[in-house]
Amino acid sequence: MAWVSGWASDISIWENEIYERFPGYSHRFIDYFDLVEADFNIEIPESEIVVGWSLGTLALLKNLDKKIKEQKWILVCPIIDFCACWRPAVVRATTLESFGKLLGDVDGKEKWMENALRYLPEQLNAGLEFLVQTKVDLNVSHENVEFIFGTHDKIIPLQQCEGTVCENLGHWLPDYIRTAPWSALVASDA
C-alpha cells in the first residue's frame, strides 16, 4: 500500500498503526515534502492500493490520468474543490495553529504538530496555493477510486463526491485507520 500525505503531514508518523491494521501489506509513505518537491505532480506509486489523505487526495486526483488501471485508490477526507469550502484569502491566512484547532481534540495531534513544524514557511504556502488553485473534474472516469469522509469534518465540511460516510469522524487520518469500514474496501490481511 502506498500512503500519500496531506498538508504539512507525514503519514509515516502513524506507521505502527498502519502496519498493525494492514499487516499483510508492505507500505510506502509519500510525505508532504515529496509532494511540494514534485510541485504536486506526483509519480503514482506502483502499489496495488494507494491511500490518499486530504491534500494528498487532490494531488492524486490531479494526476488521475496516470493511475494504473487495476490499482485501487482510497481517498480519505477527499478534496475536490477546496474553495467551495473556504475563500482564498482565508486559505492563505491559514496557520498550523488554526488548522490544528479545526482538527479538534484528537489523539496524536501533538506528534502531527511536531512533524508539521519541520516544514519551511514557503513549503507550507506552496500547499495552500495548490489548494486554492486546483480543482478536479470528477466527470472523467475514475474506476477503482473510493472516497471516504466523515460527518464531523471541519476542514472539508461539504460532501463533494459520492462515497462512504463515516459517522462522527472528522479530518484526522488515524481515526479512519482505526475505525473506517476498511473491510469493504480492502482486505486487512492481504
N, C-alpha and C. Protein backbone atom coordinates (compact mmCIF):
# COMPACT_ATOMS: atom_id res chain seq x y z
N MET A 1 0.85 -1.17 0.00
CA MET A 1 0.00 0.00 0.00
C MET A 1 0.89 1.23 0.00
N ALA A 2 0.48 2.22 -0.74
CA ALA A 2 1.18 3.50 -0.73
C ALA A 2 0.27 4.52 -0.05
N TRP A 3 0.85 5.39 0.74
CA TRP A 3 0.10 6.37 1.52
C TRP A 3 0.58 7.77 1.14
N VAL A 4 -0.33 8.62 0.65
CA VAL A 4 0.02 9.96 0.21
C VAL A 4 -0.49 10.96 1.26
N SER A 5 0.44 11.71 1.83
CA SER A 5 0.14 12.61 2.96
C SER A 5 -0.65 13.85 2.55
N GLY A 6 -1.23 14.46 3.56
CA GLY A 6 -1.93 15.73 3.40
C GLY A 6 -1.01 16.90 3.70
N TRP A 7 -1.61 18.08 3.81
CA TRP A 7 -0.87 19.32 4.04
C TRP A 7 -0.06 19.22 5.33
N ALA A 8 1.20 19.59 5.24
CA ALA A 8 2.10 19.65 6.41
C ALA A 8 2.17 18.33 7.16
N SER A 9 2.06 17.23 6.45
CA SER A 9 1.96 15.93 7.12
C SER A 9 2.94 14.90 6.56
N ASP A 10 3.21 13.94 7.40
CA ASP A 10 3.99 12.77 7.02
C ASP A 10 3.29 11.58 7.66
N ILE A 11 2.56 10.85 6.84
CA ILE A 11 1.77 9.73 7.34
C ILE A 11 2.63 8.68 8.04
N SER A 12 3.91 8.64 7.73
CA SER A 12 4.76 7.61 8.34
C SER A 12 4.83 7.76 9.86
N ILE A 13 4.44 8.91 10.42
CA ILE A 13 4.44 9.02 11.88
C ILE A 13 3.40 8.08 12.50
N TRP A 14 2.47 7.58 11.68
CA TRP A 14 1.47 6.61 12.15
C TRP A 14 1.74 5.21 11.59
N GLU A 15 2.98 4.97 11.17
CA GLU A 15 3.26 3.68 10.53
C GLU A 15 2.99 2.49 11.44
N ASN A 16 3.21 2.61 12.74
CA ASN A 16 2.93 1.48 13.64
C ASN A 16 1.46 1.09 13.57
N GLU A 17 0.57 2.08 13.61
CA GLU A 17 -0.86 1.79 13.50
C GLU A 17 -1.20 1.19 12.14
N ILE A 18 -0.58 1.72 11.09
CA ILE A 18 -0.85 1.23 9.74
C ILE A 18 -0.39 -0.21 9.57
N TYR A 19 0.82 -0.53 10.02
CA TYR A 19 1.32 -1.91 9.92
C TYR A 19 0.47 -2.86 10.76
N GLU A 20 0.00 -2.39 11.90
CA GLU A 20 -0.86 -3.23 12.74
C GLU A 20 -2.22 -3.47 12.09
N ARG A 21 -2.77 -2.45 11.47
CA ARG A 21 -4.10 -2.56 10.84
C ARG A 21 -4.06 -3.34 9.53
N PHE A 22 -2.95 -3.20 8.79
CA PHE A 22 -2.80 -3.84 7.48
C PHE A 22 -1.50 -4.65 7.44
N PRO A 23 -1.42 -5.73 8.23
CA PRO A 23 -0.16 -6.47 8.38
C PRO A 23 0.30 -7.21 7.13
N GLY A 24 -0.59 -7.52 6.23
CA GLY A 24 -0.23 -8.31 5.06
C GLY A 24 0.32 -7.50 3.90
N TYR A 25 0.47 -6.22 4.08
CA TYR A 25 0.93 -5.35 3.00
C TYR A 25 2.29 -4.75 3.34
N SER A 26 3.06 -4.46 2.31
CA SER A 26 4.23 -3.60 2.52
C SER A 26 3.70 -2.18 2.32
N HIS A 27 4.32 -1.23 2.98
CA HIS A 27 3.81 0.14 2.96
C HIS A 27 4.88 1.12 2.51
N ARG A 28 4.47 2.06 1.71
CA ARG A 28 5.34 3.14 1.24
C ARG A 28 4.65 4.45 1.61
N PHE A 29 5.43 5.40 2.11
CA PHE A 29 4.85 6.67 2.56
C PHE A 29 5.41 7.82 1.73
N ILE A 30 4.51 8.63 1.21
CA ILE A 30 4.88 9.82 0.46
C ILE A 30 4.49 11.01 1.33
N ASP A 31 5.48 11.72 1.84
CA ASP A 31 5.15 12.80 2.77
C ASP A 31 4.92 14.12 2.02
N TYR A 32 4.51 15.11 2.77
CA TYR A 32 4.18 16.40 2.20
C TYR A 32 5.38 17.01 1.48
N PHE A 33 6.58 16.85 2.03
CA PHE A 33 7.78 17.38 1.39
C PHE A 33 7.92 16.82 -0.03
N ASP A 34 7.66 15.50 -0.20
CA ASP A 34 7.73 14.88 -1.52
C ASP A 34 6.74 15.52 -2.48
N LEU A 35 5.54 15.84 -1.99
CA LEU A 35 4.53 16.47 -2.83
C LEU A 35 4.97 17.86 -3.28
N VAL A 36 5.51 18.66 -2.34
CA VAL A 36 5.97 20.00 -2.67
C VAL A 36 7.11 19.94 -3.68
N GLU A 37 8.08 19.04 -3.43
CA GLU A 37 9.23 18.92 -4.33
C GLU A 37 8.80 18.56 -5.75
N ALA A 38 7.73 17.79 -5.89
CA ALA A 38 7.24 17.38 -7.21
C ALA A 38 6.21 18.37 -7.76
N ASP A 39 6.04 19.51 -7.09
CA ASP A 39 5.04 20.50 -7.48
C ASP A 39 3.66 19.84 -7.60
N PHE A 40 3.41 18.86 -6.75
CA PHE A 40 2.14 18.14 -6.65
C PHE A 40 1.84 17.29 -7.88
N ASN A 41 2.82 17.13 -8.77
CA ASN A 41 2.70 16.24 -9.93
C ASN A 41 3.41 14.94 -9.58
N ILE A 42 2.79 14.19 -8.69
CA ILE A 42 3.48 13.03 -8.14
C ILE A 42 3.52 11.88 -9.13
N GLU A 43 4.56 11.09 -8.99
CA GLU A 43 4.66 9.85 -9.72
C GLU A 43 3.80 8.84 -8.97
N ILE A 44 2.86 8.25 -9.64
CA ILE A 44 1.94 7.33 -8.99
C ILE A 44 2.70 6.07 -8.59
N PRO A 45 2.68 5.73 -7.30
CA PRO A 45 3.42 4.55 -6.84
C PRO A 45 2.85 3.27 -7.46
N GLU A 46 3.71 2.32 -7.71
CA GLU A 46 3.28 1.03 -8.24
C GLU A 46 2.88 0.13 -7.08
N SER A 47 1.76 0.43 -6.49
CA SER A 47 1.20 -0.35 -5.39
C SER A 47 -0.19 -0.81 -5.79
N GLU A 48 -0.60 -1.93 -5.23
CA GLU A 48 -1.95 -2.45 -5.50
C GLU A 48 -3.00 -1.44 -5.01
N ILE A 49 -2.71 -0.83 -3.86
CA ILE A 49 -3.64 0.11 -3.24
C ILE A 49 -2.89 1.39 -2.90
N VAL A 50 -3.49 2.52 -3.23
CA VAL A 50 -2.94 3.83 -2.88
C VAL A 50 -3.99 4.54 -2.02
N VAL A 51 -3.55 5.00 -0.84
CA VAL A 51 -4.43 5.72 0.07
C VAL A 51 -3.95 7.16 0.14
N GLY A 52 -4.83 8.08 -0.18
CA GLY A 52 -4.50 9.50 -0.07
C GLY A 52 -5.32 10.12 1.04
N TRP A 53 -4.75 11.13 1.67
CA TRP A 53 -5.46 11.83 2.76
C TRP A 53 -5.41 13.33 2.48
N SER A 54 -6.58 13.98 2.54
CA SER A 54 -6.70 15.42 2.49
C SER A 54 -6.04 15.99 1.23
N LEU A 55 -5.07 16.88 1.37
CA LEU A 55 -4.41 17.46 0.20
C LEU A 55 -3.82 16.37 -0.69
N GLY A 56 -3.41 15.26 -0.11
CA GLY A 56 -2.88 14.15 -0.90
C GLY A 56 -3.92 13.59 -1.87
N THR A 57 -5.20 13.66 -1.50
CA THR A 57 -6.25 13.20 -2.42
C THR A 57 -6.33 14.11 -3.64
N LEU A 58 -6.18 15.41 -3.41
CA LEU A 58 -6.23 16.37 -4.52
C LEU A 58 -5.03 16.17 -5.44
N ALA A 59 -3.85 15.92 -4.86
CA ALA A 59 -2.67 15.66 -5.68
C ALA A 59 -2.87 14.40 -6.52
N LEU A 60 -3.45 13.36 -5.93
CA LEU A 60 -3.72 12.14 -6.70
C LEU A 60 -4.73 12.41 -7.80
N LEU A 61 -5.83 13.07 -7.46
CA LEU A 61 -6.87 13.32 -8.46
C LEU A 61 -6.36 14.22 -9.59
N LYS A 62 -5.47 15.14 -9.26
CA LYS A 62 -4.86 15.99 -10.30
C LYS A 62 -4.08 15.13 -11.29
N ASN A 63 -3.60 13.99 -10.83
CA ASN A 63 -2.81 13.07 -11.66
C ASN A 63 -3.57 11.80 -12.00
N LEU A 64 -4.89 11.89 -12.03
CA LEU A 64 -5.75 10.73 -12.27
C LEU A 64 -5.42 10.04 -13.60
N ASP A 65 -4.99 10.81 -14.59
CA ASP A 65 -4.67 10.23 -15.89
C ASP A 65 -3.46 9.29 -15.83
N LYS A 66 -2.68 9.35 -14.74
CA LYS A 66 -1.51 8.48 -14.57
C LYS A 66 -1.83 7.22 -13.77
N LYS A 67 -3.07 7.10 -13.29
CA LYS A 67 -3.46 5.97 -12.44
C LYS A 67 -3.32 4.66 -13.21
N ILE A 68 -2.75 3.68 -12.57
CA ILE A 68 -2.67 2.33 -13.13
C ILE A 68 -4.07 1.73 -13.06
N LYS A 69 -4.58 1.24 -14.17
CA LYS A 69 -5.99 0.83 -14.28
C LYS A 69 -6.43 -0.12 -13.17
N GLU A 70 -5.64 -1.15 -12.87
CA GLU A 70 -6.04 -2.15 -11.88
C GLU A 70 -5.86 -1.66 -10.44
N GLN A 71 -5.18 -0.58 -10.28
CA GLN A 71 -4.88 -0.06 -8.96
C GLN A 71 -6.14 0.47 -8.29
N LYS A 72 -6.23 0.26 -6.97
CA LYS A 72 -7.35 0.80 -6.21
C LYS A 72 -6.86 2.01 -5.44
N TRP A 73 -7.60 3.11 -5.54
CA TRP A 73 -7.31 4.30 -4.76
C TRP A 73 -8.38 4.45 -3.71
N ILE A 74 -7.97 4.74 -2.48
CA ILE A 74 -8.89 5.04 -1.39
C ILE A 74 -8.54 6.45 -0.92
N LEU A 75 -9.46 7.36 -1.12
CA LEU A 75 -9.21 8.77 -0.83
C LEU A 75 -9.98 9.18 0.42
N VAL A 76 -9.23 9.47 1.49
CA VAL A 76 -9.79 9.76 2.81
C VAL A 76 -9.82 11.28 3.00
N CYS A 77 -10.98 11.80 3.39
CA CYS A 77 -11.19 13.25 3.52
C CYS A 77 -10.85 13.93 2.19
N PRO A 78 -11.52 13.50 1.11
CA PRO A 78 -11.14 13.98 -0.22
C PRO A 78 -11.42 15.47 -0.42
N ILE A 79 -10.53 16.08 -1.18
CA ILE A 79 -10.71 17.48 -1.58
C ILE A 79 -10.88 17.50 -3.09
N ILE A 80 -11.99 18.02 -3.53
CA ILE A 80 -12.28 18.17 -4.95
C ILE A 80 -12.11 19.64 -5.33
N ASP A 81 -12.70 20.51 -4.51
CA ASP A 81 -12.64 21.96 -4.74
C ASP A 81 -12.57 22.64 -3.37
N PHE A 82 -11.36 22.91 -2.90
CA PHE A 82 -11.17 23.46 -1.57
C PHE A 82 -11.88 24.80 -1.40
N CYS A 83 -11.91 25.60 -2.45
CA CYS A 83 -12.51 26.93 -2.36
C CYS A 83 -14.03 26.88 -2.35
N ALA A 84 -14.62 25.70 -2.51
CA ALA A 84 -16.07 25.57 -2.29
C ALA A 84 -16.36 25.66 -0.80
N CYS A 85 -15.35 25.42 0.03
CA CYS A 85 -15.49 25.47 1.49
C CYS A 85 -14.85 26.71 2.10
N TRP A 86 -13.81 27.23 1.47
CA TRP A 86 -13.02 28.32 2.04
C TRP A 86 -12.73 29.38 0.99
N ARG A 87 -12.80 30.64 1.37
CA ARG A 87 -12.40 31.73 0.47
C ARG A 87 -10.88 31.74 0.37
N PRO A 88 -10.33 32.02 -0.82
CA PRO A 88 -8.87 32.01 -0.98
C PRO A 88 -8.13 32.88 0.04
N ALA A 89 -8.65 34.03 0.39
CA ALA A 89 -7.97 34.89 1.37
C ALA A 89 -7.86 34.19 2.72
N VAL A 90 -8.89 33.45 3.10
CA VAL A 90 -8.88 32.72 4.36
C VAL A 90 -7.86 31.59 4.30
N VAL A 91 -7.81 30.90 3.17
CA VAL A 91 -6.86 29.80 3.00
C VAL A 91 -5.43 30.31 3.14
N ARG A 92 -5.13 31.42 2.49
CA ARG A 92 -3.76 31.95 2.53
C ARG A 92 -3.37 32.41 3.93
N ALA A 93 -4.35 32.73 4.76
CA ALA A 93 -4.06 33.17 6.12
C ALA A 93 -3.99 32.01 7.11
N THR A 94 -4.27 30.82 6.62
CA THR A 94 -4.28 29.65 7.49
C THR A 94 -2.90 29.42 8.09
N THR A 95 -2.89 29.07 9.35
CA THR A 95 -1.64 28.72 10.02
C THR A 95 -1.76 27.30 10.54
N LEU A 96 -0.65 26.74 10.92
CA LEU A 96 -0.69 25.41 11.52
C LEU A 96 -1.56 25.40 12.77
N GLU A 97 -1.48 26.48 13.53
CA GLU A 97 -2.27 26.55 14.76
C GLU A 97 -3.77 26.52 14.48
N SER A 98 -4.24 27.31 13.50
CA SER A 98 -5.68 27.31 13.22
C SER A 98 -6.12 25.99 12.59
N PHE A 99 -5.26 25.38 11.77
CA PHE A 99 -5.56 24.08 11.21
C PHE A 99 -5.69 23.05 12.33
N GLY A 100 -4.76 23.11 13.28
CA GLY A 100 -4.80 22.21 14.43
C GLY A 100 -6.08 22.37 15.23
N LYS A 101 -6.55 23.60 15.40
CA LYS A 101 -7.81 23.84 16.12
C LYS A 101 -8.98 23.20 15.39
N LEU A 102 -8.98 23.31 14.05
CA LEU A 102 -10.07 22.71 13.28
C LEU A 102 -10.07 21.19 13.35
N LEU A 103 -8.89 20.59 13.56
CA LEU A 103 -8.83 19.14 13.70
C LEU A 103 -9.56 18.69 14.96
N GLY A 104 -9.63 19.58 15.96
CA GLY A 104 -10.33 19.24 17.19
C GLY A 104 -9.42 18.51 18.16
N ASP A 105 -10.04 17.91 19.16
CA ASP A 105 -9.31 17.20 20.21
C ASP A 105 -9.12 15.75 19.77
N VAL A 106 -8.00 15.48 19.12
CA VAL A 106 -7.73 14.14 18.59
C VAL A 106 -6.43 13.60 19.16
N ASP A 107 -6.37 12.29 19.34
CA ASP A 107 -5.16 11.64 19.84
C ASP A 107 -4.01 11.81 18.85
N GLY A 108 -2.87 12.22 19.33
CA GLY A 108 -1.69 12.29 18.49
C GLY A 108 -1.49 13.61 17.78
N LYS A 109 -2.31 14.60 18.06
CA LYS A 109 -2.17 15.88 17.36
C LYS A 109 -0.82 16.53 17.66
N GLU A 110 -0.31 16.35 18.87
CA GLU A 110 0.98 16.93 19.23
C GLU A 110 2.09 16.35 18.34
N LYS A 111 2.03 15.06 18.08
CA LYS A 111 3.01 14.40 17.22
C LYS A 111 2.92 14.97 15.80
N TRP A 112 1.68 15.18 15.32
CA TRP A 112 1.48 15.76 14.00
C TRP A 112 2.07 17.17 13.96
N MET A 113 1.78 18.00 14.99
CA MET A 113 2.27 19.38 15.01
C MET A 113 3.79 19.42 15.06
N GLU A 114 4.38 18.55 15.85
CA GLU A 114 5.85 18.48 15.92
C GLU A 114 6.43 18.20 14.54
N ASN A 115 5.82 17.27 13.82
CA ASN A 115 6.25 16.95 12.47
C ASN A 115 6.00 18.12 11.52
N ALA A 116 4.84 18.76 11.62
CA ALA A 116 4.48 19.85 10.71
C ALA A 116 5.43 21.03 10.85
N LEU A 117 5.95 21.26 12.03
CA LEU A 117 6.84 22.40 12.26
C LEU A 117 8.19 22.25 11.57
N ARG A 118 8.47 21.07 11.04
CA ARG A 118 9.75 20.89 10.34
C ARG A 118 9.71 21.45 8.92
N TYR A 119 8.51 21.76 8.41
CA TYR A 119 8.39 22.31 7.06
C TYR A 119 8.65 23.80 7.07
N LEU A 120 9.32 24.29 6.03
CA LEU A 120 9.59 25.71 5.90
C LEU A 120 8.32 26.46 5.53
N PRO A 121 8.22 27.75 5.90
CA PRO A 121 7.01 28.53 5.55
C PRO A 121 6.69 28.49 4.05
N GLU A 122 7.70 28.54 3.19
CA GLU A 122 7.41 28.52 1.75
C GLU A 122 6.87 27.16 1.31
N GLN A 123 7.25 26.09 2.01
CA GLN A 123 6.69 24.77 1.68
C GLN A 123 5.22 24.70 2.10
N LEU A 124 4.92 25.25 3.27
CA LEU A 124 3.52 25.28 3.72
C LEU A 124 2.68 26.14 2.78
N ASN A 125 3.23 27.29 2.38
CA ASN A 125 2.50 28.18 1.47
C ASN A 125 2.25 27.52 0.11
N ALA A 126 3.20 26.71 -0.34
CA ALA A 126 3.03 26.02 -1.63
C ALA A 126 1.79 25.13 -1.59
N GLY A 127 1.57 24.45 -0.48
CA GLY A 127 0.39 23.60 -0.36
C GLY A 127 -0.90 24.40 -0.30
N LEU A 128 -0.87 25.52 0.39
CA LEU A 128 -2.06 26.36 0.46
C LEU A 128 -2.40 26.93 -0.93
N GLU A 129 -1.38 27.35 -1.67
CA GLU A 129 -1.61 27.84 -3.03
C GLU A 129 -2.15 26.73 -3.93
N PHE A 130 -1.62 25.52 -3.77
CA PHE A 130 -2.12 24.38 -4.54
C PHE A 130 -3.61 24.16 -4.25
N LEU A 131 -3.99 24.25 -2.98
CA LEU A 131 -5.40 24.08 -2.61
C LEU A 131 -6.27 25.15 -3.27
N VAL A 132 -5.80 26.39 -3.28
CA VAL A 132 -6.57 27.49 -3.85
C VAL A 132 -6.69 27.36 -5.36
N GLN A 133 -5.63 26.93 -6.01
CA GLN A 133 -5.58 26.95 -7.47
C GLN A 133 -6.08 25.68 -8.15
N THR A 134 -6.28 24.61 -7.41
CA THR A 134 -6.56 23.32 -8.03
C THR A 134 -7.97 22.84 -7.72
N LYS A 135 -8.66 22.47 -8.77
CA LYS A 135 -9.98 21.88 -8.67
C LYS A 135 -10.00 20.74 -9.68
N VAL A 136 -10.56 19.60 -9.30
CA VAL A 136 -10.58 18.46 -10.23
C VAL A 136 -12.00 18.23 -10.74
N ASP A 137 -12.06 17.63 -11.91
CA ASP A 137 -13.33 17.31 -12.56
C ASP A 137 -13.59 15.82 -12.38
N LEU A 138 -14.59 15.49 -11.60
CA LEU A 138 -14.91 14.08 -11.39
C LEU A 138 -15.84 13.52 -12.45
N ASN A 139 -16.08 14.29 -13.49
CA ASN A 139 -16.88 13.76 -14.59
C ASN A 139 -16.05 12.86 -15.48
N VAL A 140 -14.75 12.83 -15.27
CA VAL A 140 -13.90 11.90 -16.01
C VAL A 140 -13.96 10.55 -15.31
N SER A 141 -13.62 9.51 -16.03
CA SER A 141 -13.66 8.16 -15.46
C SER A 141 -12.72 8.05 -14.28
N HIS A 142 -13.21 7.48 -13.21
CA HIS A 142 -12.36 7.25 -12.03
C HIS A 142 -12.67 5.87 -11.45
N GLU A 143 -12.45 4.87 -12.29
CA GLU A 143 -12.68 3.48 -11.91
C GLU A 143 -11.72 3.08 -10.79
N ASN A 144 -12.22 2.30 -9.84
CA ASN A 144 -11.43 1.82 -8.69
C ASN A 144 -10.94 2.94 -7.79
N VAL A 145 -11.72 4.00 -7.69
CA VAL A 145 -11.41 5.10 -6.77
C VAL A 145 -12.55 5.19 -5.77
N GLU A 146 -12.22 5.02 -4.50
CA GLU A 146 -13.21 5.08 -3.42
C GLU A 146 -12.97 6.34 -2.60
N PHE A 147 -14.05 6.98 -2.17
CA PHE A 147 -13.96 8.18 -1.35
C PHE A 147 -14.54 7.89 0.03
N ILE A 148 -13.83 8.32 1.07
CA ILE A 148 -14.29 8.14 2.46
C ILE A 148 -14.22 9.50 3.15
N PHE A 149 -15.29 9.88 3.80
CA PHE A 149 -15.27 11.14 4.54
C PHE A 149 -16.15 11.03 5.77
N GLY A 150 -15.92 11.96 6.70
CA GLY A 150 -16.63 11.92 7.97
C GLY A 150 -17.66 13.01 8.12
N THR A 151 -18.64 12.74 8.95
CA THR A 151 -19.72 13.70 9.18
C THR A 151 -19.28 14.89 10.03
N HIS A 152 -18.14 14.79 10.71
CA HIS A 152 -17.67 15.88 11.57
C HIS A 152 -16.39 16.54 11.05
N ASP A 153 -16.19 16.50 9.75
CA ASP A 153 -15.00 17.11 9.15
C ASP A 153 -15.18 18.63 9.10
N LYS A 154 -14.34 19.35 9.83
CA LYS A 154 -14.42 20.81 9.85
C LYS A 154 -13.48 21.45 8.83
N ILE A 155 -12.60 20.67 8.25
CA ILE A 155 -11.69 21.19 7.22
C ILE A 155 -12.41 21.18 5.87
N ILE A 156 -13.02 20.06 5.53
CA ILE A 156 -13.81 19.92 4.30
C ILE A 156 -15.23 19.53 4.73
N PRO A 157 -16.03 20.51 5.18
CA PRO A 157 -17.34 20.18 5.74
C PRO A 157 -18.41 19.83 4.70
N LEU A 158 -18.13 20.06 3.44
CA LEU A 158 -19.11 19.75 2.40
C LEU A 158 -18.75 18.45 1.71
N GLN A 159 -19.73 17.58 1.56
CA GLN A 159 -19.51 16.35 0.81
C GLN A 159 -19.41 16.74 -0.66
N GLN A 160 -18.27 16.53 -1.28
CA GLN A 160 -18.04 16.97 -2.65
C GLN A 160 -18.12 15.84 -3.67
N CYS A 161 -18.42 14.62 -3.21
CA CYS A 161 -18.50 13.49 -4.11
C CYS A 161 -19.26 12.37 -3.41
N GLU A 162 -19.58 11.34 -4.15
CA GLU A 162 -20.23 10.17 -3.58
C GLU A 162 -19.18 9.29 -2.93
N GLY A 163 -19.52 8.66 -1.82
CA GLY A 163 -18.57 7.78 -1.18
C GLY A 163 -19.09 7.23 0.12
N THR A 164 -18.18 6.66 0.90
CA THR A 164 -18.51 6.07 2.19
C THR A 164 -18.48 7.16 3.25
N VAL A 165 -19.58 7.31 3.95
CA VAL A 165 -19.69 8.31 5.01
C VAL A 165 -19.45 7.62 6.35
N CYS A 166 -18.55 8.18 7.13
CA CYS A 166 -18.23 7.63 8.46
C CYS A 166 -18.79 8.58 9.51
N GLU A 167 -19.74 8.07 10.26
CA GLU A 167 -20.36 8.87 11.31
C GLU A 167 -19.34 9.26 12.37
N ASN A 168 -19.43 10.48 12.84
CA ASN A 168 -18.64 11.01 13.96
C ASN A 168 -17.14 11.10 13.69
N LEU A 169 -16.69 10.97 12.45
CA LEU A 169 -15.28 11.16 12.15
C LEU A 169 -15.07 12.54 11.55
N GLY A 170 -13.90 13.10 11.84
CA GLY A 170 -13.56 14.42 11.33
C GLY A 170 -12.55 14.33 10.20
N HIS A 171 -11.45 15.09 10.33
CA HIS A 171 -10.44 15.17 9.28
C HIS A 171 -9.11 14.57 9.74
N TRP A 172 -9.18 13.59 10.63
CA TRP A 172 -7.99 13.04 11.27
C TRP A 172 -7.75 11.63 10.78
N LEU A 173 -6.71 11.42 9.98
CA LEU A 173 -6.43 10.11 9.37
C LEU A 173 -6.34 8.97 10.38
N PRO A 174 -5.65 9.14 11.52
CA PRO A 174 -5.57 7.99 12.44
C PRO A 174 -6.95 7.46 12.87
N ASP A 175 -7.94 8.32 12.99
CA ASP A 175 -9.29 7.84 13.33
C ASP A 175 -9.85 6.94 12.22
N TYR A 176 -9.57 7.29 10.98
CA TYR A 176 -10.03 6.45 9.86
C TYR A 176 -9.26 5.13 9.83
N ILE A 177 -7.95 5.19 10.11
CA ILE A 177 -7.16 3.96 10.13
C ILE A 177 -7.76 2.99 11.15
N ARG A 178 -8.14 3.51 12.31
CA ARG A 178 -8.67 2.67 13.39
C ARG A 178 -10.11 2.22 13.15
N THR A 179 -10.97 3.07 12.57
CA THR A 179 -12.40 2.77 12.62
C THR A 179 -13.15 2.74 11.30
N ALA A 180 -12.55 3.20 10.21
CA ALA A 180 -13.28 3.20 8.94
C ALA A 180 -13.59 1.77 8.50
N PRO A 181 -14.62 1.59 7.68
CA PRO A 181 -15.01 0.25 7.23
C PRO A 181 -14.08 -0.28 6.14
N TRP A 182 -12.81 -0.50 6.50
CA TRP A 182 -11.81 -0.94 5.54
C TRP A 182 -12.14 -2.28 4.92
N SER A 183 -12.81 -3.15 5.66
CA SER A 183 -13.08 -4.50 5.13
C SER A 183 -13.92 -4.42 3.84
N ALA A 184 -14.70 -3.36 3.70
CA ALA A 184 -15.49 -3.20 2.48
C ALA A 184 -14.62 -2.67 1.33
N LEU A 185 -13.44 -2.14 1.67
CA LEU A 185 -12.59 -1.52 0.67
C LEU A 185 -11.34 -2.32 0.33
N VAL A 186 -10.80 -3.02 1.35
CA VAL A 186 -9.54 -3.74 1.17
C VAL A 186 -9.45 -4.83 2.23
N ALA A 187 -8.87 -5.95 1.88
CA ALA A 187 -8.63 -6.99 2.87
C ALA A 187 -7.56 -6.49 3.82
N SER A 188 -7.80 -6.56 5.13
CA SER A 188 -6.84 -6.00 6.07
C SER A 188 -5.64 -6.93 6.31
N ASP A 189 -5.68 -8.11 5.76
CA ASP A 189 -4.55 -9.03 5.96
C ASP A 189 -4.13 -9.68 4.64
N ALA A 190 -3.98 -8.88 3.63
CA ALA A 190 -3.69 -9.37 2.27
C ALA A 190 -2.63 -10.43 2.22
